Amino acid sequence: MSGDTVKIDWNRRARESIVKQQGDKSPEDVEELEIYDNITDLSLFAPFKNLKVLRIDQAGSPVARLRSLSGLPALPQLRELQVADHLLSELPADFAARFPNLAALLITNNKFDSIDLLKPLFDCKSLHTLEVDDNSLVSKCKKEGVAYRDVLFGEIASLKVIDGKDKDGNDVAESESEGEDEGEVEDDEEVKKDAASDNENNEEADNDDDDDDDENEEDEEHDEEETEEPTSPTSPAADDASSAKRKRDADDSPGEKKPKTGE
């Protein structure tokens, strides 16, 4: 038998998958990648500076499971990171700085065995959803009577959902627990409020125009009434005066004079 060692390229299928998903886009235009093949070289994601969603699910050989995220480059636009079913037992100390806009982190079924190993998350300002179920830290906390959700909610102020439950222990819809970005929700609400405000302003402007039209019509009617001189009825006294004037005029007009009596 030959003593030559066969080198296995664990990342070949992952590279092929990335190329296929990228298509004709430039790396800067790719916002989502999903890897369901063996991958050990996380630097493959370095060109994709504007990634918003990255899912690396272990679906191949156990040998190729991720043991660390230290090789994952900074992705400032990343909103969701899913690395379930690997062998992760710690997070990079600068995790929050690498992913400042991260809203959802799914690290279920890994090797985290204490809350202290999640301390790098305490500096995350945008983290909305965290999935840590099926890690030994969960069963360990339960045995010790430690409410791990309460601890994490207390340490990460932005958190709204942990393992599918809110702060009050209520179940949360799957769409929310898988990284619904609270900032995006607020933006949507602002858009709705702005649209409603615009509609109200438009309605007020229309009402003002209608009021102006009504006032113009009233002014025009008032002007027409002022231009028409009303015909006043003739009073009896005026009629008598007019009759007397006509009689005097008739007496004074030239004509055949009546002869004086006695001539």
C-alpha atoms as a PDB file:
ATOM      1  CA  MET A   1       0.000   0.000   0.000  1.00  0.00           C
ATOM      2  CA  SER A   2       1.164   3.477  -0.714  1.00  0.00           C
ATOM      3  CA  GLY A   3       2.071   5.660   2.245  1.00  0.00           C
ATOM      4  CA  ASP A   4       0.774   8.802   0.524  1.00  0.00           C
ATOM      5  CA  THR A   5      -1.855  10.705   2.469  1.00  0.00           C
ATOM      6  CA  VAL A   6      -4.988  11.635   0.560  1.00  0.00           C
ATOM      7  CA  LYS A   7      -5.911  15.248   1.213  1.00  0.00           C
ATOM      8  CA  ILE A   8      -9.652  15.839   1.304  1.00  0.00           C
ATOM      9  CA  ASP A   9     -11.004  19.186   0.191  1.00  0.00           C
ATOM     10  CA  TRP A  10     -13.767  19.608   2.756  1.00  0.00           C
ATOM     11  CA  ASN A  11     -14.775  22.959   1.275  1.00  0.00           C
ATOM     12  CA  ARG A  12     -15.231  22.011  -2.383  1.00  0.00           C
ATOM     13  CA  ARG A  13     -18.981  21.552  -2.237  1.00  0.00           C
ATOM     14  CA  ALA A  14     -19.373  24.675  -0.121  1.00  0.00           C
ATOM     15  CA  ARG A  15     -17.486  26.741  -2.716  1.00  0.00           C
ATOM     16  CA  GLU A  16     -19.653  25.307  -5.481  1.00  0.00           C
ATOM     17  CA  SER A  17     -22.785  26.147  -3.506  1.00  0.00           C
ATOM     18  CA  ILE A  18     -21.606  29.727  -2.928  1.00  0.00           C
ATOM     19  CA  VAL A  19     -20.845  30.219  -6.631  1.00  0.00           C
ATOM     20  CA  LYS A  20     -24.259  28.851  -7.565  1.00  0.00           C
ATOM     21  CA  GLN A  21     -26.097  31.114  -5.123  1.00  0.00           C
ATOM     22  CA  GLN A  22     -24.069  34.127  -6.183  1.00  0.00           C
ATOM     23  CA  GLY A  23     -24.919  33.691  -9.854  1.00  0.00           C
ATOM     24  CA  ASP A  24     -24.223  36.832 -11.876  1.00  0.00           C
ATOM     25  CA  LYS A  25     -24.175  39.101  -8.838  1.00  0.00           C
ATOM     26  CA  SER A  26     -21.064  40.723  -7.513  1.00  0.00           C
ATOM     27  CA  PRO A  27     -20.106  39.612  -3.975  1.00  0.00           C
ATOM     28  CA  GLU A  28     -21.193  43.012  -2.645  1.00  0.00           C
ATOM     29  CA  ASP A  29     -24.729  42.442  -3.965  1.00  0.00           C
ATOM     30  CA  VAL A  30     -25.253  39.062  -2.291  1.00  0.00           C
ATOM     31  CA  GLU A  31     -27.368  39.395   0.848  1.00  0.00           C
ATOM     32  CA  GLU A  32     -28.109  35.760   1.759  1.00  0.00           C
ATOM     33  CA  LEU A  33     -26.152  32.510   1.688  1.00  0.00           C
ATOM     34  CA  GLU A  34     -27.112  29.037   2.901  1.00  0.00           C
ATOM     35  CA  ILE A  35     -24.547  26.268   3.194  1.00  0.00           C
ATOM     36  CA  TYR A  36     -25.683  22.691   3.725  1.00  0.00           C
ATOM     37  CA  ASP A  37     -22.388  21.048   2.877  1.00  0.00           C
ATOM     38  CA  ASN A  38     -19.113  20.473   4.661  1.00  0.00           C
ATOM     39  CA  ILE A  39     -17.213  23.667   5.360  1.00  0.00           C
ATOM     40  CA  THR A  40     -14.181  24.412   7.480  1.00  0.00           C
ATOM     41  CA  ASP A  41     -12.833  27.543   5.803  1.00  0.00           C
ATOM     42  CA  LEU A  42     -14.997  30.437   6.950  1.00  0.00           C
ATOM     43  CA  SER A  43     -12.839  32.950   5.076  1.00  0.00           C
ATOM     44  CA  LEU A  44     -14.879  31.986   2.007  1.00  0.00           C
ATOM     45  CA  PHE A  45     -17.423  34.553   3.193  1.00  0.00           C
ATOM     46  CA  ALA A  46     -14.947  37.456   3.320  1.00  0.00           C
ATOM     47  CA  PRO A  47     -15.900  38.933  -0.106  1.00  0.00           C
ATOM     48  CA  PHE A  48     -19.573  39.154   0.863  1.00  0.00           C
ATOM     49  CA  LYS A  49     -19.412  42.368   2.864  1.00  0.00           C
ATOM     50  CA  ASN A  50     -23.155  43.075   2.677  1.00  0.00           C
ATOM     51  CA  LEU A  51     -24.464  39.685   3.756  1.00  0.00           C
ATOM     52  CA  LYS A  52     -27.624  39.955   5.839  1.00  0.00           C
ATOM     53  CA  VAL A  53     -28.393  36.254   6.340  1.00  0.00           C
ATOM     54  CA  LEU A  54     -25.870  33.438   6.734  1.00  0.00           C
ATOM     55  CA  ARG A  55     -26.937  29.867   7.489  1.00  0.00           C
ATOM     56  CA  ILE A  56     -24.333  27.140   7.928  1.00  0.00           C
ATOM     57  CA  ASP A  57     -26.143  23.923   8.780  1.00  0.00           C
ATOM     58  CA  GLN A  58     -24.141  20.769   9.376  1.00  0.00           C
ATOM     59  CA  ALA A  59     -25.365  18.203   6.898  1.00  0.00           C
ATOM     60  CA  GLY A  60     -22.176  16.359   5.994  1.00  0.00           C
ATOM     61  CA  SER A  61     -19.385  14.549   7.739  1.00  0.00           C
ATOM     62  CA  PRO A  62     -18.992  15.078  11.508  1.00  0.00           C
ATOM     63  CA  VAL A  63     -15.298  15.628  10.803  1.00  0.00           C
ATOM     64  CA  ALA A  64     -16.141  18.899   9.057  1.00  0.00           C
ATOM     65  CA  ARG A  65     -18.248  20.360  11.839  1.00  0.00           C
ATOM     66  CA  LEU A  66     -17.283  23.832  12.973  1.00  0.00           C
ATOM     67  CA  ARG A  67     -15.415  24.017  16.247  1.00  0.00           C
ATOM     68  CA  SER A  68     -14.891  27.766  16.271  1.00  0.00           C
ATOM     69  CA  LEU A  69     -16.175  30.939  14.645  1.00  0.00           C
ATOM     70  CA  SER A  70     -12.839  32.722  14.978  1.00  0.00           C
ATOM     71  CA  GLY A  71     -12.268  32.398  11.232  1.00  0.00           C
ATOM     72  CA  LEU A  72     -15.580  34.057  10.333  1.00  0.00           C
ATOM     73  CA  PRO A  73     -14.815  37.544   8.958  1.00  0.00           C
ATOM     74  CA  ALA A  74     -16.550  40.685  10.168  1.00  0.00           C
ATOM     75  CA  LEU A  75     -19.898  41.152   8.424  1.00  0.00           C
ATOM     76  CA  PRO A  76     -21.259  44.540   9.517  1.00  0.00           C
ATOM     77  CA  GLN A  77     -24.608  44.143   7.737  1.00  0.00           C
ATOM     78  CA  LEU A  78     -25.361  40.641   9.011  1.00  0.00           C
ATOM     79  CA  ARG A  79     -28.827  40.323  10.578  1.00  0.00           C
ATOM     80  CA  GLU A  80     -29.138  36.544  11.042  1.00  0.00           C
ATOM     81  CA  LEU A  81     -26.486  33.928  11.758  1.00  0.00           C
ATOM     82  CA  GLN A  82     -27.427  30.275  11.993  1.00  0.00           C
ATOM     83  CA  VAL A  83     -24.773  27.725  12.973  1.00  0.00           C
ATOM     84  CA  ALA A  84     -26.728  24.847  14.473  1.00  0.00           C
ATOM     85  CA  ASP A  85     -25.566  21.246  14.929  1.00  0.00           C
ATOM     86  CA  HIS A  86     -21.828  21.945  15.060  1.00  0.00           C
ATOM     87  CA  LEU A  87     -19.198  21.561  17.771  1.00  0.00           C
ATOM     88  CA  LEU A  88     -18.972  25.175  18.895  1.00  0.00           C
ATOM     89  CA  SER A  89     -18.051  25.698  22.535  1.00  0.00           C
ATOM     90  CA  GLU A  90     -17.111  29.376  22.566  1.00  0.00           C
ATOM     91  CA  LEU A  91     -17.596  32.658  20.727  1.00  0.00           C
ATOM     92  CA  PRO A  92     -14.932  35.155  19.615  1.00  0.00           C
ATOM     93  CA  ALA A  93     -14.338  37.842  22.232  1.00  0.00           C
ATOM     94  CA  ASP A  94     -15.003  40.537  19.613  1.00  0.00           C
ATOM     95  CA  PHE A  95     -18.227  38.894  18.415  1.00  0.00           C
ATOM     96  CA  ALA A  96     -20.350  42.016  18.961  1.00  0.00           C
ATOM     97  CA  ALA A  97     -17.867  44.207  17.065  1.00  0.00           C
ATOM     98  CA  ARG A  98     -17.756  41.802  14.125  1.00  0.00           C
ATOM     99  CA  PHE A  99     -21.533  41.680  13.778  1.00  0.00           C
ATOM    100  CA  PRO A 100     -22.868  44.982  15.171  1.00  0.00           C
ATOM    101  CA  ASN A 101     -26.283  44.651  13.518  1.00  0.00           C
ATOM    102  CA  LEU A 102     -26.942  41.017  14.325  1.00  0.00           C
ATOM    103  CA  ALA A 103     -30.585  40.496  15.295  1.00  0.00           C
ATOM    104  CA  ALA A 104     -30.870  36.690  15.411  1.00  0.00           C
ATOM    105  CA  LEU A 105     -28.353  34.045  16.476  1.00  0.00           C
ATOM    106  CA  LEU A 106     -29.137  30.326  16.300  1.00  0.00           C
ATOM    107  CA  ILE A 107     -26.523  28.100  17.959  1.00  0.00           C
ATOM    108  CA  THR A 108     -28.699  25.151  18.973  1.00  0.00           C
ATOM    109  CA  ASN A 109     -27.173  21.710  19.467  1.00  0.00           C
ATOM    110  CA  ASN A 110     -23.580  22.782  19.990  1.00  0.00           C
ATOM    111  CA  LYS A 111     -21.189  22.369  22.942  1.00  0.00           C
ATOM    112  CA  PHE A 112     -21.862  25.435  25.084  1.00  0.00           C
ATOM    113  CA  ASP A 113     -21.965  24.199  28.678  1.00  0.00           C
ATOM    114  CA  SER A 114     -22.223  27.440  30.671  1.00  0.00           C
ATOM    115  CA  ILE A 115     -23.664  30.937  30.371  1.00  0.00           C
ATOM    116  CA  ASP A 116     -20.169  32.376  30.840  1.00  0.00           C
ATOM    117  CA  LEU A 117     -19.289  31.087  27.377  1.00  0.00           C
ATOM    118  CA  LEU A 118     -21.947  33.410  25.951  1.00  0.00           C
ATOM    119  CA  LYS A 119     -20.473  36.571  27.503  1.00  0.00           C
ATOM    120  CA  PRO A 120     -19.369  37.967  24.127  1.00  0.00           C
ATOM    121  CA  LEU A 121     -23.085  38.344  23.370  1.00  0.00           C
ATOM    122  CA  PHE A 122     -23.572  40.686  26.318  1.00  0.00           C
ATOM    123  CA  ASP A 123     -22.192  43.554  24.230  1.00  0.00           C
ATOM    124  CA  CYS A 124     -24.608  42.991  21.334  1.00  0.00           C
ATOM    125  CA  LYS A 125     -26.933  45.980  20.977  1.00  0.00           C
ATOM    126  CA  SER A 126     -29.264  44.695  18.260  1.00  0.00           C
ATOM    127  CA  LEU A 127     -29.716  41.045  19.226  1.00  0.00           C
ATOM    128  CA  HIS A 128     -33.443  40.281  19.214  1.00  0.00           C
ATOM    129  CA  THR A 129     -33.618  36.478  19.079  1.00  0.00           C
ATOM    130  CA  LEU A 130     -31.326  33.843  20.596  1.00  0.00           C
ATOM    131  CA  GLU A 131     -31.646  30.075  20.203  1.00  0.00           C
ATOM    132  CA  VAL A 132     -29.416  28.030  22.526  1.00  0.00           C
ATOM    133  CA  ASP A 133     -31.558  24.956  23.138  1.00  0.00           C
ATOM    134  CA  ASP A 134     -29.958  21.507  23.014  1.00  0.00           C
ATOM    135  CA  ASN A 135     -26.732  22.804  24.517  1.00  0.00           C
ATOM    136  CA  SER A 136     -25.588  21.304  27.791  1.00  0.00           C
ATOM    137  CA  LEU A 137     -25.805  24.715  29.475  1.00  0.00           C
ATOM    138  CA  VAL A 138     -29.598  24.438  29.364  1.00  0.00           C
ATOM    139  CA  SER A 139     -29.797  21.107  31.179  1.00  0.00           C
ATOM    140  CA  LYS A 140     -27.032  22.175  33.556  1.00  0.00           C
ATOM    141  CA  CYS A 141     -28.880  25.363  34.520  1.00  0.00           C
ATOM    142  CA  LYS A 142     -32.091  23.438  35.070  1.00  0.00           C
ATOM    143  CA  LYS A 143     -30.345  21.004  37.395  1.00  0.00           C
ATOM    144  CA  GLU A 144     -28.821  23.874  39.341  1.00  0.00           C
ATOM    145  CA  GLY A 145     -32.100  25.744  39.518  1.00  0.00           C
ATOM    146  CA  VAL A 146     -30.794  28.602  37.410  1.00  0.00           C
ATOM    147  CA  ALA A 147     -33.274  30.264  35.046  1.00  0.00           C
ATOM    148  CA  TYR A 148     -30.918  30.726  32.102  1.00  0.00           C
ATOM    149  CA  ARG A 149     -33.467  32.766  30.162  1.00  0.00           C
ATOM    150  CA  ASP A 150     -33.790  35.271  32.985  1.00  0.00           C
ATOM    151  CA  VAL A 151     -30.017  35.593  33.180  1.00  0.00           C
ATOM    152  CA  LEU A 152     -29.664  36.190  29.449  1.00  0.00           C
ATOM    153  CA  PHE A 153     -32.595  38.598  29.287  1.00  0.00           C
ATOM    154  CA  GLY A 154     -30.978  40.536  32.107  1.00  0.00           C
ATOM    155  CA  GLU A 155     -27.561  40.679  30.454  1.00  0.00           C
ATOM    156  CA  ILE A 156     -28.693  41.453  26.891  1.00  0.00           C
ATOM    157  CA  ALA A 157     -31.136  44.355  26.996  1.00  0.00           C
ATOM    158  CA  SER A 158     -32.208  44.091  23.352  1.00  0.00           C
ATOM    159  CA  LEU A 159     -33.285  40.440  23.617  1.00  0.00           C
ATOM    160  CA  LYS A 160     -36.985  39.723  23.069  1.00  0.00           C
ATOM    161  CA  VAL A 161     -37.029  35.961  22.412  1.00  0.00           C
ATOM    162  CA  ILE A 162     -34.977  33.068  23.799  1.00  0.00           C
ATOM    163  CA  ASP A 163     -35.659  29.536  22.599  1.00  0.00           C
ATOM    164  CA  GLY A 164     -39.076  30.496  21.288  1.00  0.00           C
ATOM    165  CA  LYS A 165     -40.287  32.260  24.443  1.00  0.00           C
ATOM    166  CA  ASP A 166     -40.536  35.900  25.475  1.00  0.00           C
ATOM    167  CA  LYS A 167     -39.562  37.374  28.859  1.00  0.00           C
ATOM    168  CA  ASP A 168     -42.854  36.250  30.394  1.00  0.00           C
ATOM    169  CA  GLY A 169     -42.407  32.658  29.197  1.00  0.00           C
ATOM    170  CA  ASN A 170     -45.020  32.968  26.472  1.00  0.00           C
ATOM    171  CA  ASP A 171     -44.536  31.084  23.229  1.00  0.00           C
ATOM    172  CA  VAL A 172     -43.580  33.325  20.318  1.00  0.00           C
ATOM    173  CA  ALA A 173     -44.530  32.735  16.698  1.00  0.00           C
ATOM    174  CA  GLU A 174     -41.826  31.051  14.650  1.00  0.00           C
ATOM    175  CA  SER A 175     -41.501  33.991  12.269  1.00  0.00           C
ATOM    176  CA  GLU A 176     -40.657  36.249  15.210  1.00  0.00           C
ATOM    177  CA  SER A 177     -38.299  33.800  16.906  1.00  0.00           C
ATOM    178  CA  GLU A 178     -36.254  33.358  13.746  1.00  0.00           C
ATOM    179  CA  GLY A 179     -34.880  36.831  13.678  1.00  0.00           C
ATOM    180  CA  GLU A 180     -37.627  39.283  12.930  1.00  0.00           C
ATOM    181  CA  ASP A 181     -35.731  42.524  13.158  1.00  0.00           C
ATOM    182  CA  GLU A 182     -37.301  44.919  15.618  1.00  0.00           C
ATOM    183  CA  GLY A 183     -35.685  47.852  13.793  1.00  0.00           C
ATOM    184  CA  GLU A 184     -37.343  46.803  10.555  1.00  0.00           C
ATOM    185  CA  VAL A 185     -40.684  46.446  12.296  1.00  0.00           C
ATOM    186  CA  GLU A 186     -40.320  49.957  13.728  1.00  0.00           C
ATOM    187  CA  ASP A 187     -39.392  51.260  10.274  1.00  0.00           C
ATOM    188  CA  ASP A 188     -42.557  49.683   8.854  1.00  0.00           C
ATOM    189  CA  GLU A 189     -44.621  51.294  11.570  1.00  0.00           C
ATOM    190  CA  GLU A 190     -43.001  54.656  10.839  1.00  0.00           C
ATOM    191  CA  VAL A 191     -43.812  54.259   7.136  1.00  0.00           C
ATOM    192  CA  LYS A 192     -47.437  53.495   8.015  1.00  0.00           C
ATOM    193  CA  LYS A 193     -47.594  56.476  10.363  1.00  0.00           C
ATOM    194  CA  ASP A 194     -46.075  58.756   7.717  1.00  0.00           C
ATOM    195  CA  ALA A 195     -48.557  57.511   5.125  1.00  0.00           C
ATOM    196  CA  ALA A 196     -51.468  58.068   7.509  1.00  0.00           C
ATOM    197  CA  SER A 197     -50.158  61.545   8.319  1.00  0.00           C
ATOM    198  CA  ASP A 198     -49.860  62.361   4.618  1.00  0.00           C
ATOM    199  CA  ASN A 199     -53.437  61.212   4.052  1.00  0.00           C
ATOM    200  CA  GLU A 200     -54.662  63.388   6.918  1.00  0.00           C
ATOM    201  CA  ASN A 201     -52.756  66.368   5.565  1.00  0.00           C
ATOM    202  CA  ASN A 202     -54.190  65.793   2.100  1.00  0.00           C
ATOM    203  CA  GLU A 203     -57.705  65.566   3.516  1.00  0.00           C
ATOM    204  CA  GLU A 204     -57.194  68.773   5.495  1.00  0.00           C
ATOM    205  CA  ALA A 205     -55.884  70.502   2.376  1.00  0.00           C
ATOM    206  CA  ASP A 206     -58.909  69.305   0.402  1.00  0.00           C
ATOM    207  CA  ASN A 207     -61.239  70.559   3.139  1.00  0.00           C
ATOM    208  CA  ASP A 208     -59.478  73.930   3.144  1.00  0.00           C
ATOM    209  CA  ASP A 209     -59.871  74.159  -0.637  1.00  0.00           C
ATOM    210  CA  ASP A 210     -63.567  73.330  -0.316  1.00  0.00           C
ATOM    211  CA  ASP A 211     -63.987  75.995   2.364  1.00  0.00           C
ATOM    212  CA  ASP A 212     -62.216  78.550   0.154  1.00  0.00           C
ATOM    213  CA  ASP A 213     -64.490  77.657  -2.758  1.00  0.00           C
ATOM    214  CA  ASP A 214     -67.573  78.089  -0.557  1.00  0.00           C
ATOM    215  CA  GLU A 215     -66.326  81.471   0.677  1.00  0.00           C
ATOM    216  CA  ASN A 216     -65.635  82.617  -2.903  1.00  0.00           C
ATOM    217  CA  GLU A 217     -69.121  81.600  -3.975  1.00  0.00           C
ATOM    218  CA  GLU A 218     -70.636  83.496  -1.043  1.00  0.00           C
ATOM    219  CA  ASP A 219     -68.572  86.601  -1.899  1.00  0.00           C
ATOM    220  CA  GLU A 220     -69.696  86.466  -5.527  1.00  0.00           C
ATOM    221  CA  GLU A 221     -73.347  86.183  -4.519  1.00  0.00           C
ATOM    222  CA  HIS A 222     -72.928  89.113  -2.119  1.00  0.00           C
ATOM    223  CA  ASP A 223     -71.350  91.248  -4.869  1.00  0.00           C
ATOM    224  CA  GLU A 224     -74.212  90.452  -7.241  1.00  0.00           C
ATOM    225  CA  GLU A 225     -76.717  91.488  -4.616  1.00  0.00           C
ATOM    226  CA  GLU A 226     -74.924  94.819  -4.081  1.00  0.00           C
ATOM    227  CA  THR A 227     -74.845  95.663  -7.837  1.00  0.00           C
ATOM    228  CA  GLU A 228     -78.627  95.252  -8.171  1.00  0.00           C
ATOM    229  CA  GLU A 229     -80.442  98.439  -7.025  1.00  0.00           C
ATOM    230  CA  PRO A 230     -83.619  97.461  -5.296  1.00  0.00           C
ATOM    231  CA  THR A 231     -86.859  99.083  -6.498  1.00  0.00           C
ATOM    232  CA  SER A 232     -88.510 100.756  -3.570  1.00  0.00           C
ATOM    233  CA  PRO A 233     -92.304 100.949  -3.551  1.00  0.00           C
ATOM    234  CA  THR A 234     -93.673 104.513  -3.937  1.00  0.00           C
ATOM    235  CA  SER A 235     -95.231 105.861  -0.763  1.00  0.00           C
ATOM    236  CA  PRO A 236     -98.687 107.557  -0.849  1.00  0.00           C
ATOM    237  CA  ALA A 237     -97.122 110.882   0.171  1.00  0.00           C
ATOM    238  CA  ALA A 238     -94.792 110.735  -2.804  1.00  0.00           C
ATOM    239  CA  ASP A 239     -97.749 110.004  -5.121  1.00  0.00           C
ATOM    240  CA  ASP A 240     -99.660 113.060  -3.827  1.00  0.00           C
ATOM    241  CA  ALA A 241     -96.631 115.294  -4.306  1.00  0.00           C
ATOM    242  CA  SER A 242     -96.175 114.045  -7.839  1.00  0.00           C
ATOM    243  CA  SER A 243     -99.853 114.657  -8.702  1.00  0.00           C
ATOM    244  CA  ALA A 244     -99.705 118.217  -7.354  1.00  0.00           C
ATOM    245  CA  LYS A 245     -96.609 118.940  -9.435  1.00  0.00           C
ATOM    246  CA  ARG A 246     -98.301 117.701 -12.613  1.00  0.00           C
ATOM    247  CA  LYS A 247    -101.306 119.912 -11.916  1.00  0.00           C
ATOM    248  CA  ARG A 248     -99.153 123.018 -11.470  1.00  0.00           C
ATOM    249  CA  ASP A 249     -97.310 122.270 -14.654  1.00  0.00           C
ATOM    250  CA  ALA A 250    -100.596 121.957 -16.509  1.00  0.00           C
ATOM    251  CA  ASP A 251    -101.838 125.323 -15.166  1.00  0.00           C
ATOM    252  CA  ASP A 252     -98.640 127.091 -16.135  1.00  0.00           C
ATOM    253  CA  SER A 253     -98.465 125.654 -19.644  1.00  0.00           C
ATOM    254  CA  PRO A 254     -99.462 128.191 -22.557  1.00  0.00           C
ATOM    255  CA  GLY A 255    -102.922 127.759 -24.048  1.00  0.00           C
ATOM    256  CA  GLU A 256    -106.242 129.508 -24.497  1.00  0.00           C
ATOM    257  CA  LYS A 257    -106.910 131.691 -21.489  1.00  0.00           C
ATOM    258  CA  LYS A 258    -110.383 131.782 -20.052  1.00  0.00           C
ATOM    259  CA  PRO A 259    -112.133 135.179 -20.345  1.00  0.00           C
ATOM    260  CA  LYS A 260    -112.541 137.096 -17.186  1.00  0.00           C
ATOM    261  CA  THR A 261    -116.095 137.304 -15.993  1.00  0.00           C
ATOM    262  CA  GLY A 262    -117.694 140.714 -16.129  1.00  0.00           C
ATOM    263  CA  GLU A 263    -115.887 141.965 -19.297  1.00  0.00           C
END
